[in-house]
PDB file of N, CA and C in Angstrom:
ATOM      1  N   UNK A   1      81.922  78.536  89.880  1.00  0.00           N
ATOM      2  CA  UNK A   1      81.666  79.904  90.070  1.00  0.00           C
ATOM      3  C   UNK A   1      81.225  79.796  91.133  1.00  0.00           C
ATOM      4  N   UNK A   2      81.889  81.340  91.802  1.00  0.00           N
ATOM      5  CA  UNK A   2      81.277  81.850  93.091  1.00  0.00           C
ATOM      6  C   UNK A   2      80.242  82.863  92.995  1.00  0.00           C
ATOM      7  N   UNK A   3      79.558  83.099  94.613  1.00  0.00           N
ATOM      8  CA  UNK A   3      78.944  84.405  94.932  1.00  0.00           C
ATOM      9  C   UNK A   3      78.374  85.729  93.303  1.00  0.00           C
ATOM     10  N   UNK A   4      79.722  86.064  94.074  1.00  0.00           N
ATOM     11  CA  UNK A   4      79.830  87.957  93.591  1.00  0.00           C
ATOM     12  C   UNK A   4      79.767  87.291  91.841  1.00  0.00           C
ATOM     13  N   UNK A   5      81.039  86.211  91.280  1.00  0.00           N
ATOM     14  CA  UNK A   5      80.811  86.033  90.012  1.00  0.00           C
ATOM     15  C   UNK A   5      79.264  86.182  89.193  1.00  0.00           C
ATOM     16  N   UNK A   6      78.191  85.072  89.782  1.00  0.00           N
ATOM     17  CA  UNK A   6      77.349  84.505  89.403  1.00  0.00           C
ATOM     18  C   UNK A   6      76.509  86.530  89.622  1.00  0.00           C
ATOM     19  N   UNK A   7      76.444  86.768  90.612  1.00  0.00           N
ATOM     20  CA  UNK A   7      75.543  87.828  90.688  1.00  0.00           C
ATOM     21  C   UNK A   7      76.418  89.248  89.513  1.00  0.00           C
ATOM     22  N   UNK A   8      77.349  89.043  89.308  1.00  0.00           N
ATOM     23  CA  UNK A   8      78.089  90.734  88.753  1.00  0.00           C
ATOM     24  C   UNK A   8      77.706  89.899  87.241  1.00  0.00           C
ATOM     25  N   UNK A   9      77.744  88.717  86.843  1.00  0.00           N
ATOM     26  CA  UNK A   9      77.139  88.192  85.316  1.00  0.00           C
ATOM     27  C   UNK A   9      75.801  87.794  84.755  1.00  0.00           C
ATOM     28  N   UNK A  10      74.882  88.083  85.574  1.00  0.00           N
ATOM     29  CA  UNK A  10      73.386  88.142  85.440  1.00  0.00           C
ATOM     30  C   UNK A  10      73.245  89.162  85.417  1.00  0.00           C
ATOM     31  N   UNK A  11      73.688  90.551  86.258  1.00  0.00           N
ATOM     32  CA  UNK A  11      72.849  91.322  86.023  1.00  0.00           C
ATOM     33  C   UNK A  11      73.547  91.807  84.831  1.00  0.00           C
ATOM     34  N   UNK A  12      73.969  91.430  84.606  1.00  0.00           N
ATOM     35  CA  UNK A  12      75.327  92.210  83.070  1.00  0.00           C
ATOM     36  C   UNK A  12      74.334  91.574  81.582  1.00  0.00           C
ATOM     37  N   UNK A  13      73.784  90.479  82.061  1.00  0.00           N
ATOM     38  CA  UNK A  13      73.363  89.581  80.330  1.00  0.00           C
ATOM     39  C   UNK A  13      71.794  90.358  81.218  1.00  0.00           C
ATOM     40  N   UNK A  14      71.500  90.741  82.289  1.00  0.00           N
ATOM     41  CA  UNK A  14      70.233  90.897  82.234  1.00  0.00           C
ATOM     42  C   UNK A  14      69.416  91.844  81.867  1.00  0.00           C
ATOM     43  N   UNK A  15      70.590  92.940  82.137  1.00  0.00           N
ATOM     44  CA  UNK A  15      70.597  94.395  81.935  1.00  0.00           C
ATOM     45  C   UNK A  15      70.699  94.495  80.917  1.00  0.00           C
ATOM     46  N   UNK A  16      71.651  94.138  79.918  1.00  0.00           N
ATOM     47  CA  UNK A  16      72.480  95.059  78.355  1.00  0.00           C
ATOM     48  C   UNK A  16      72.675  93.612  77.137  1.00  0.00           C
ATOM     49  N   UNK A  17      72.296  93.991  76.687  1.00  0.00           N
ATOM     50  CA  UNK A  17      72.491  92.751  75.065  1.00  0.00           C
ATOM     51  C   UNK A  17      74.040  93.477  74.159  1.00  0.00           C
ATOM     52  N   UNK A  18      74.398  94.531  75.196  1.00  0.00           N
ATOM     53  CA  UNK A  18      75.317  94.410  74.453  1.00  0.00           C
ATOM     54  C   UNK A  18      77.029  93.325  74.428  1.00  0.00           C
ATOM     55  N   UNK A  19      78.344  93.664  74.083  1.00  0.00           N
ATOM     56  CA  UNK A  19      79.360  92.694  74.095  1.00  0.00           C
ATOM     57  C   UNK A  19      79.932  92.473  75.652  1.00  0.00           C
ATOM     58  N   UNK A  20      80.361  91.335  75.888  1.00  0.00           N
ATOM     59  CA  UNK A  20      81.155  92.002  77.281  1.00  0.00           C
ATOM     60  C   UNK A  20      82.397  91.465  77.381  1.00  0.00           C
ATOM     61  N   UNK A  21      83.331  92.628  77.964  1.00  0.00           N
ATOM     62  CA  UNK A  21      84.399  92.805  78.021  1.00  0.00           C
ATOM     63  C   UNK A  21      84.871  92.485  79.738  1.00  0.00           C
ATOM     64  N   UNK A  22      85.298  90.968  79.322  1.00  0.00           N
ATOM     65  CA  UNK A  22      85.475  90.487  80.614  1.00  0.00           C
ATOM     66  C   UNK A  22      87.371  90.292  81.129  1.00  0.00           C
ATOM     67  N   UNK A  23      87.137  90.857  82.473  1.00  0.00           N
ATOM     68  CA  UNK A  23      88.853  90.625  82.676  1.00  0.00           C
ATOM     69  C   UNK A  23      89.220  89.297  83.419  1.00  0.00           C
ATOM     70  N   UNK A  24      89.764  88.805  84.046  1.00  0.00           N
ATOM     71  CA  UNK A  24      90.635  87.801  84.494  1.00  0.00           C
ATOM     72  C   UNK A  24      92.074  88.417  84.977  1.00  0.00           C
ATOM     73  N   UNK A  25      92.256  87.487  86.169  1.00  0.00           N
ATOM     74  CA  UNK A  25      93.513  88.558  87.100  1.00  0.00           C
ATOM     75  C   UNK A  25      93.703  86.831  87.497  1.00  0.00           C
ATOM     76  N   UNK A  26      95.351  86.235  87.059  1.00  0.00           N
ATOM     77  CA  UNK A  26      95.706  85.702  87.769  1.00  0.00           C
ATOM     78  C   UNK A  26      96.910  86.257  88.808  1.00  0.00           C
ATOM     79  N   UNK A  27      97.640  84.964  89.201  1.00  0.00           N
ATOM     80  CA  UNK A  27      98.337  85.657  90.284  1.00  0.00           C
ATOM     81  C   UNK A  27      99.725  86.627  90.045  1.00  0.00           C
ATOM     82  N   UNK A  28      99.890  85.576  88.251  1.00  0.00           N
ATOM     83  CA  UNK A  28     101.136  86.535  87.035  1.00  0.00           C
ATOM     84  C   UNK A  28     100.651  86.961  86.405  1.00  0.00           C
ATOM     85  N   UNK A  29      99.137  86.977  85.849  1.00  0.00           N
ATOM     86  CA  UNK A  29      99.297  87.425  85.029  1.00  0.00           C
ATOM     87  C   UNK A  29      97.466  88.283  85.013  1.00  0.00           C
ATOM     88  N   UNK A  30      97.418  89.302  83.577  1.00  0.00           N
ATOM     89  CA  UNK A  30      96.096  89.794  83.202  1.00  0.00           C
ATOM     90  C   UNK A  30      95.568  89.296  81.954  1.00  0.00           C
ATOM     91  N   UNK A  31      94.175  89.348  81.893  1.00  0.00           N
ATOM     92  CA  UNK A  31      93.368  89.199  80.866  1.00  0.00           C
ATOM     93  C   UNK A  31      92.474  90.121  80.424  1.00  0.00           C
ATOM     94  N   UNK A  32      92.243  90.319  79.203  1.00  0.00           N
ATOM     95  CA  UNK A  32      90.799  91.204  79.063  1.00  0.00           C
ATOM     96  C   UNK A  32      90.451  90.745  77.644  1.00  0.00           C
ATOM     97  N   UNK A  33      88.926  89.928  77.466  1.00  0.00           N
ATOM     98  CA  UNK A  33      88.687  89.690  76.382  1.00  0.00           C
ATOM     99  C   UNK A  33      86.848  89.866  75.887  1.00  0.00           C
ATOM    100  N   UNK A  34      86.824  90.263  74.502  1.00  0.00           N
ATOM    101  CA  UNK A  34      85.924  90.831  74.363  1.00  0.00           C
ATOM    102  C   UNK A  34      85.186  89.198  74.079  1.00  0.00           C
ATOM    103  N   UNK A  35      83.849  89.461  74.407  1.00  0.00           N
ATOM    104  CA  UNK A  35      82.914  88.739  74.130  1.00  0.00           C
ATOM    105  C   UNK A  35      81.369  88.347  73.604  1.00  0.00           C
ATOM    106  N   UNK A  36      80.691  88.308  72.583  1.00  0.00           N
ATOM    107  CA  UNK A  36      79.406  87.916  71.927  1.00  0.00           C
ATOM    108  C   UNK A  36      78.732  86.656  72.508  1.00  0.00           C
ATOM    109  N   UNK A  37      78.090  86.691  73.372  1.00  0.00           N
ATOM    110  CA  UNK A  37      77.083  85.824  74.606  1.00  0.00           C
ATOM    111  C   UNK A  37      76.144  85.624  73.356  1.00  0.00           C
ATOM    112  N   UNK A  38      75.720  86.085  72.422  1.00  0.00           N
ATOM    113  CA  UNK A  38      74.228  85.717  71.502  1.00  0.00           C
ATOM    114  C   UNK A  38      75.352  84.711  70.656  1.00  0.00           C
ATOM    115  N   UNK A  39      76.600  84.202  70.208  1.00  0.00           N
ATOM    116  CA  UNK A  39      76.944  83.918  69.359  1.00  0.00           C
ATOM    117  C   UNK A  39      78.194  83.050  70.184  1.00  0.00           C
ATOM    118  N   UNK A  40      78.534  83.443  71.139  1.00  0.00           N
ATOM    119  CA  UNK A  40      79.314  82.452  71.730  1.00  0.00           C
ATOM    120  C   UNK A  40      80.567  82.326  71.324  1.00  0.00           C
ATOM    121  N   UNK A  41      81.208  83.608  70.573  1.00  0.00           N
ATOM    122  CA  UNK A  41      82.429  84.053  70.295  1.00  0.00           C
ATOM    123  C   UNK A  41      83.209  85.261  70.767  1.00  0.00           C
ATOM    124  N   UNK A  42      84.699  85.313  71.165  1.00  0.00           N
ATOM    125  CA  UNK A  42      85.546  85.614  71.253  1.00  0.00           C
ATOM    126  C   UNK A  42      86.155  86.730  70.543  1.00  0.00           C
ATOM    127  N   UNK A  43      86.111  87.950  70.593  1.00  0.00           N
ATOM    128  CA  UNK A  43      86.307  88.804  69.490  1.00  0.00           C
ATOM    129  C   UNK A  43      87.730  89.685  69.106  1.00  0.00           C
ATOM    130  N   UNK A  44      87.908  89.502  70.286  1.00  0.00           N
ATOM    131  CA  UNK A  44      89.448  90.597  70.380  1.00  0.00           C
ATOM    132  C   UNK A  44      89.822  89.839  72.030  1.00  0.00           C
ATOM    133  N   UNK A  45      90.959  89.907  72.543  1.00  0.00           N
ATOM    134  CA  UNK A  45      92.070  89.393  73.601  1.00  0.00           C
ATOM    135  C   UNK A  45      93.015  90.244  73.872  1.00  0.00           C
ATOM    136  N   UNK A  46      92.748  90.393  74.627  1.00  0.00           N
ATOM    137  CA  UNK A  46      94.743  90.893  74.808  1.00  0.00           C
ATOM    138  C   UNK A  46      95.332  90.383  76.046  1.00  0.00           C
ATOM    139  N   UNK A  47      96.668  90.014  76.395  1.00  0.00           N
ATOM    140  CA  UNK A  47      96.763  89.588  77.850  1.00  0.00           C
ATOM    141  C   UNK A  47      97.951  90.105  78.473  1.00  0.00           C
ATOM    142  N   UNK A  48      98.561  89.800  79.382  1.00  0.00           N
ATOM    143  CA  UNK A  48     100.044  89.802  79.417  1.00  0.00           C
ATOM    144  C   UNK A  48     100.906  88.518  78.905  1.00  0.00           C
ATOM    145  N   UNK A  49     100.268  87.896  78.739  1.00  0.00           N
ATOM    146  CA  UNK A  49     102.039  87.088  78.229  1.00  0.00           C
ATOM    147  C   UNK A  49     101.536  86.893  76.066  1.00  0.00           C
ATOM    148  N   UNK A  50     100.989  88.177  75.985  1.00  0.00           N
ATOM    149  CA  UNK A  50     101.127  88.465  74.617  1.00  0.00           C
ATOM    150  C   UNK A  50     103.041  88.922  74.771  1.00  0.00           C
ATOM    151  N   UNK A  51     104.248  88.457  73.382  1.00  0.00           N
ATOM    152  CA  UNK A  51     105.248  88.085  73.657  1.00  0.00           C
ATOM    153  C   UNK A  51     105.275  90.302  73.392  1.00  0.00           C
ATOM    154  N   UNK A  52     104.472  91.072  72.560  1.00  0.00           N
ATOM    155  CA  UNK A  52     104.476  91.809  72.391  1.00  0.00           C
ATOM    156  C   UNK A  52     104.597  93.022  73.494  1.00  0.00           C
ATOM    157  N   UNK A  53     103.883  92.589  74.894  1.00  0.00           N
ATOM    158  CA  UNK A  53     103.547  93.409  76.305  1.00  0.00           C
ATOM    159  C   UNK A  53     104.646  92.901  77.100  1.00  0.00           C
ATOM    160  N   UNK A  54     104.984  91.528  76.801  1.00  0.00           N
ATOM    161  CA  UNK A  54     105.636  90.761  77.714  1.00  0.00           C
ATOM    162  C   UNK A  54     107.258  91.822  77.716  1.00  0.00           C
ATOM    163  N   UNK A  55     107.552  91.643  76.728  1.00  0.00           N
ATOM    164  CA  UNK A  55     109.181  91.876  76.733  1.00  0.00           C
ATOM    165  C   UNK A  55     109.140  93.665  76.928  1.00  0.00           C
ATOM    166  N   UNK A  56     108.296  94.694  76.980  1.00  0.00           N
ATOM    167  CA  UNK A  56     108.269  95.811  77.642  1.00  0.00           C
ATOM    168  C   UNK A  56     108.794  95.420  78.840  1.00  0.00           C
ATOM    169  N   UNK A  57     109.154  94.451  79.341  1.00  0.00           N
ATOM    170  CA  UNK A  57     109.074  94.720  81.458  1.00  0.00           C
ATOM    171  C   UNK A  57     108.550  95.780  82.513  1.00  0.00           C
ATOM    172  N   UNK A  58     107.206  95.819  82.358  1.00  0.00           N
ATOM    173  CA  UNK A  58     106.476  96.774  82.163  1.00  0.00           C
ATOM    174  C   UNK A  58     106.426  96.145  84.265  1.00  0.00           C
ATOM    175  N   UNK A  59     105.726  97.377  85.082  1.00  0.00           N
ATOM    176  CA  UNK A  59     105.202  96.626  86.123  1.00  0.00           C
ATOM    177  C   UNK A  59     103.279  96.484  86.357  1.00  0.00           C
ATOM    178  N   UNK A  60     103.058  95.960  87.622  1.00  0.00           N
ATOM    179  CA  UNK A  60     101.812  95.517  86.821  1.00  0.00           C
ATOM    180  C   UNK A  60     100.897  96.189  86.862  1.00  0.00           C
ATOM    181  N   UNK A  61     100.736  97.480  87.443  1.00  0.00           N
ATOM    182  CA  UNK A  61      99.955  98.554  87.158  1.00  0.00           C
ATOM    183  C   UNK A  61     100.264  99.434  85.764  1.00  0.00           C
ATOM    184  N   UNK A  62     101.436  99.418  85.018  1.00  0.00           N
ATOM    185  CA  UNK A  62     101.763  99.925  83.766  1.00  0.00           C
ATOM    186  C   UNK A  62     101.145  99.030  82.301  1.00  0.00           C
ATOM    187  N   UNK A  63     101.036  97.136  83.222  1.00  0.00           N
ATOM    188  CA  UNK A  63     100.649  96.283  82.403  1.00  0.00           C
ATOM    189  C   UNK A  63      99.130  96.661  81.901  1.00  0.00           C
ATOM    190  N   UNK A  64      98.727  96.390  83.372  1.00  0.00           N
ATOM    191  CA  UNK A  64      97.134  96.420  83.232  1.00  0.00           C
ATOM    192  C   UNK A  64      96.694  97.749  82.425  1.00  0.00           C
ATOM    193  N   UNK A  65      97.449  99.156  82.780  1.00  0.00           N
ATOM    194  CA  UNK A  65      97.205 100.166  81.917  1.00  0.00           C
ATOM    195  C   UNK A  65      97.649  99.282  80.077  1.00  0.00           C
ATOM    196  N   UNK A  66      98.776  99.042  79.665  1.00  0.00           N
ATOM    197  CA  UNK A  66      98.436  99.522  78.692  1.00  0.00           C
ATOM    198  C   UNK A  66      97.633  97.854  78.142  1.00  0.00           C
ATOM    199  N   UNK A  67      97.802  96.920  79.120  1.00  0.00           N
ATOM    200  CA  UNK A  67      96.491  95.954  77.945  1.00  0.00           C
ATOM    201  C   UNK A  67      94.708  96.404  77.924  1.00  0.00           C
ATOM    202  N   UNK A  68      94.609  97.685  78.788  1.00  0.00           N
ATOM    203  CA  UNK A  68      93.546  97.882  79.145  1.00  0.00           C
ATOM    204  C   UNK A  68      93.683  99.221  77.458  1.00  0.00           C
ATOM    205  N   UNK A  69      94.491 100.022  77.221  1.00  0.00           N
ATOM    206  CA  UNK A  69      94.781 100.976  76.694  1.00  0.00           C
ATOM    207  C   UNK A  69      94.419  99.861  74.782  1.00  0.00           C
ATOM    208  N   UNK A  70      94.940  98.757  74.846  1.00  0.00           N
ATOM    209  CA  UNK A  70      95.201  97.622  73.613  1.00  0.00           C
ATOM    210  C   UNK A  70      94.084  96.793  73.273  1.00  0.00           C
ATOM    211  N   UNK A  71      93.274  96.687  74.535  1.00  0.00           N
ATOM    212  CA  UNK A  71      91.574  95.972  74.206  1.00  0.00           C
ATOM    213  C   UNK A  71      91.262  97.013  73.576  1.00  0.00           C
ATOM    214  N   UNK A  72      90.913  98.405  74.251  1.00  0.00           N
ATOM    215  CA  UNK A  72      90.204  99.286  73.789  1.00  0.00           C
ATOM    216  C   UNK A  72      90.105  99.472  71.836  1.00  0.00           C
ATOM    217  N   UNK A  73      91.476  99.517  71.591  1.00  0.00           N
ATOM    218  CA  UNK A  73      92.226  99.864  70.273  1.00  0.00           C
ATOM    219  C   UNK A  73      91.678  98.666  69.803  1.00  0.00           C
ATOM    220  N   UNK A  74      91.476  97.638  70.328  1.00  0.00           N
ATOM    221  CA  UNK A  74      91.703  96.721  69.099  1.00  0.00           C
ATOM    222  C   UNK A  74      89.777  96.561  69.094  1.00  0.00           C
ATOM    223  N   UNK A  75      88.723  96.599  70.184  1.00  0.00           N
ATOM    224  CA  UNK A  75      87.926  97.259  70.127  1.00  0.00           C
ATOM    225  C   UNK A  75      87.009  97.521  68.542  1.00  0.00           C
ATOM    226  N   UNK A  76      87.469  98.946  69.385  1.00  0.00           N
ATOM    227  CA  UNK A  76      87.379 100.481  68.458  1.00  0.00           C
ATOM    228  C   UNK A  76      87.136 100.076  67.023  1.00  0.00           C
ATOM    229  N   UNK A  77      88.701  99.291  66.677  1.00  0.00           N
ATOM    230  CA  UNK A  77      88.755  99.399  65.705  1.00  0.00           C
ATOM    231  C   UNK A  77      87.670  97.862  64.882  1.00  0.00           C
ATOM    232  N   UNK A  78      87.318  97.063  65.723  1.00  0.00           N
ATOM    233  CA  UNK A  78      86.201  96.538  65.136  1.00  0.00           C
ATOM    234  C   UNK A  78      84.745  96.964  64.893  1.00  0.00           C
ATOM    235  N   UNK A  79      85.210  98.526  65.152  1.00  0.00           N
ATOM    236  CA  UNK A  79      83.819  99.284  65.114  1.00  0.00           C
ATOM    237  C   UNK A  79      82.471  98.810  66.269  1.00  0.00           C
ATOM    238  N   UNK A  80      82.683  98.697  67.079  1.00  0.00           N
ATOM    239  CA  UNK A  80      81.934  98.500  68.438  1.00  0.00           C
ATOM    240  C   UNK A  80      82.768  99.812  69.554  1.00  0.00           C
ATOM    241  N   UNK A  81      82.102 100.371  69.966  1.00  0.00           N
ATOM    242  CA  UNK A  81      82.797 101.395  71.056  1.00  0.00           C
ATOM    243  C   UNK A  81      81.406 101.194  71.944  1.00  0.00           C
ATOM    244  N   UNK A  82      80.379 100.492  72.591  1.00  0.00           N
ATOM    245  CA  UNK A  82      79.516 100.617  73.565  1.00  0.00           C
ATOM    246  C   UNK A  82      80.439  99.313  74.481  1.00  0.00           C
ATOM    247  N   UNK A  83      80.423  98.528  75.279  1.00  0.00           N
ATOM    248  CA  UNK A  83      80.734  96.949  75.848  1.00  0.00           C
ATOM    249  C   UNK A  83      80.238  97.342  78.187  1.00  0.00           C
ATOM    250  N   UNK A  84      79.872  95.984  77.818  1.00  0.00           N
ATOM    251  CA  UNK A  84      79.605  95.992  78.944  1.00  0.00           C
ATOM    252  C   UNK A  84      80.207  95.310  80.138  1.00  0.00           C
ATOM    253  N   UNK A  85      80.486  95.611  80.917  1.00  0.00           N
ATOM    254  CA  UNK A  85      82.812  95.528  81.661  1.00  0.00           C
ATOM    255  C   UNK A  85      82.149  94.407  82.899  1.00  0.00           C
ATOM    256  N   UNK A  86      82.774  93.103  82.233  1.00  0.00           N
ATOM    257  CA  UNK A  86      83.113  91.502  83.373  1.00  0.00           C
ATOM    258  C   UNK A  86      83.675  91.704  84.551  1.00  0.00           C
ATOM    259  N   UNK A  87      83.415  92.612  85.331  1.00  0.00           N
ATOM    260  CA  UNK A  87      85.204  92.402  86.350  1.00  0.00           C
ATOM    261  C   UNK A  87      84.819  90.919  86.893  1.00  0.00           C
ATOM    262  N   UNK A  88      84.065  90.185  86.713  1.00  0.00           N
ATOM    263  CA  UNK A  88      84.367  88.789  87.039  1.00  0.00           C
ATOM    264  C   UNK A  88      84.211  88.451  88.643  1.00  0.00           C
ATOM    265  N   UNK A  89      84.813  87.947  89.908  1.00  0.00           N
ATOM    266  CA  UNK A  89      84.415  87.474  90.716  1.00  0.00           C
ATOM    267  C   UNK A  89      85.728  88.919  91.495  1.00  0.00           C
ATOM    268  N   UNK A  90      85.907  90.226  90.655  1.00  0.00           N
ATOM    269  CA  UNK A  90      86.863  90.848  91.059  1.00  0.00           C
ATOM    270  C   UNK A  90      86.856  92.551  91.974  1.00  0.00           C
ATOM    271  N   UNK A  91      86.662  92.349  93.005  1.00  0.00           N
ATOM    272  CA  UNK A  91      86.061  93.397  93.167  1.00  0.00           C
ATOM    273  C   UNK A  91      87.035  95.377  92.189  1.00  0.00           C
ATOM    274  N   UNK A  92      86.455  96.120  91.960  1.00  0.00           N
ATOM    275  CA  UNK A  92      86.864  97.107  90.803  1.00  0.00           C
ATOM    276  C   UNK A  92      87.542  97.772  92.333  1.00  0.00           C
ATOM    277  N   UNK A  93      88.642  97.848  91.484  1.00  0.00           N
ATOM    278  CA  UNK A  93      90.000  98.421  92.827  1.00  0.00           C
ATOM    279  C   UNK A  93      91.062  98.213  92.478  1.00  0.00           C
ATOM    280  N   UNK A  94      92.033  98.174  92.144  1.00  0.00           N
ATOM    281  CA  UNK A  94      93.612  97.849  91.638  1.00  0.00           C
ATOM    282  C   UNK A  94      93.896  97.899  90.399  1.00  0.00           C
ATOM    283  N   UNK A  95      93.994  96.554  89.772  1.00  0.00           N
ATOM    284  CA  UNK A  95      94.451  96.233  88.244  1.00  0.00           C
ATOM    285  C   UNK A  95      93.317  96.663  88.010  1.00  0.00           C
ATOM    286  N   UNK A  96      91.750  96.060  88.382  1.00  0.00           N
ATOM    287  CA  UNK A  96      91.179  95.880  87.668  1.00  0.00           C
ATOM    288  C   UNK A  96      90.394  97.050  86.974  1.00  0.00           C
ATOM    289  N   UNK A  97      90.737  98.180  88.622  1.00  0.00           N
ATOM    290  CA  UNK A  97      90.268  99.647  87.902  1.00  0.00           C
ATOM    291  C   UNK A  97      91.343 100.678  86.802  1.00  0.00           C
ATOM    292  N   UNK A  98      92.630  99.637  87.064  1.00  0.00           N
ATOM    293  CA  UNK A  98      93.447 100.911  86.313  1.00  0.00           C
ATOM    294  C   UNK A  98      93.129 100.401  84.704  1.00  0.00           C
ATOM    295  N   UNK A  99      92.790  98.818  84.331  1.00  0.00           N
ATOM    296  CA  UNK A  99      92.598  98.497  82.851  1.00  0.00           C
ATOM    297  C   UNK A  99      91.605  98.780  82.818  1.00  0.00           C
ATOM    298  N   UNK A 100      89.935  99.241  83.334  1.00  0.00           N
ATOM    299  CA  UNK A 100      88.831  99.678  83.209  1.00  0.00           C
ATOM    300  C   UNK A 100      88.858 101.430  82.844  1.00  0.00           C
ATOM    301  N   UNK A 101      89.389 101.969  83.706  1.00  0.00           N
ATOM    302  CA  UNK A 101      90.077 103.508  82.897  1.00  0.00           C
ATOM    303  C   UNK A 101      90.447 103.433  82.825  1.00  0.00           C
ATOM    304  N   UNK A 102      91.971 103.285  81.376  1.00  0.00           N
ATOM    305  CA  UNK A 102      92.398 103.016  80.759  1.00  0.00           C
ATOM    306  C   UNK A 102      91.876 102.600  79.348  1.00  0.00           C
ATOM    307  N   UNK A 103      90.775 101.934  79.171  1.00  0.00           N
ATOM    308  CA  UNK A 103      89.758 101.560  78.111  1.00  0.00           C
ATOM    309  C   UNK A 103      89.357 102.643  78.120  1.00  0.00           C
ATOM    310  N   UNK A 104      88.176 103.411  78.780  1.00  0.00           N
ATOM    311  CA  UNK A 104      87.723 104.436  78.673  1.00  0.00           C
ATOM    312  C   UNK A 104      88.264 105.793  77.937  1.00  0.00           C
ATOM    313  N   UNK A 105      89.216 106.234  78.932  1.00  0.00           N
ATOM    314  CA  UNK A 105      90.135 107.128  78.314  1.00  0.00           C
ATOM    315  C   UNK A 105      90.639 107.082  76.570  1.00  0.00           C
ATOM    316  N   UNK A 106      90.895 105.652  76.658  1.00  0.00           N
ATOM    317  CA  UNK A 106      90.922 105.249  74.624  1.00  0.00           C
ATOM    318  C   UNK A 106      89.720 105.460  74.230  1.00  0.00           C
ATOM    319  N   UNK A 107      88.533 105.504  75.002  1.00  0.00           N
ATOM    320  CA  UNK A 107      87.230 105.865  73.942  1.00  0.00           C
ATOM    321  C   UNK A 107      85.814 104.902  73.678  1.00  0.00           C
ATOM    322  N   UNK A 108      85.901 103.777  74.638  1.00  0.00           N
ATOM    323  CA  UNK A 108      85.254 102.861  75.443  1.00  0.00           C
ATOM    324  C   UNK A 108      84.124 103.374  76.004  1.00  0.00           C
ATOM    325  N   UNK A 109      83.026 103.310  75.799  1.00  0.00           N
ATOM    326  CA  UNK A 109      82.010 103.290  76.279  1.00  0.00           C
ATOM    327  C   UNK A 109      81.255 102.395  77.478  1.00  0.00           C
ATOM    328  N   UNK A 110      81.130 102.280  78.556  1.00  0.00           N
ATOM    329  CA  UNK A 110      80.548 101.187  80.187  1.00  0.00           C
ATOM    330  C   UNK A 110      80.591 101.937  80.806  1.00  0.00           C
TER     331      UNK A 110
END
C-alpha cells in the first residue's frame, strides 16, 4: 500500500464502523465492492468485466456511472443505505468521482 491509500483507509476505519465501498481502477477496468470489515466479507460487487456491462459498449465515463448505479442498487437491496467511500490511492476526480456521484444519486449516503 502506498502512503495515500494507508491514510485514507486508516481514517475510514477509525472514524466510522459503516460498511466500506471500495473502488479499484486499472488501466482497462473499474471495480467497486462493498466490504464488511468486521467479518472480512464482500457483500456486493460490480465491475466493468461483468457480461451485462461489457456487452453495452459504453465509454469509460458511462461505464463508471453505470457501475455506480448498479452497486448502489445492489447495496440498497440488501438493506444498507449508509456506507463509507474508500477511494483508495486515487484522487477524487474523473472516473472515481463519476462513480461516487452516480451511487449518491441512486440513494446511497456517504
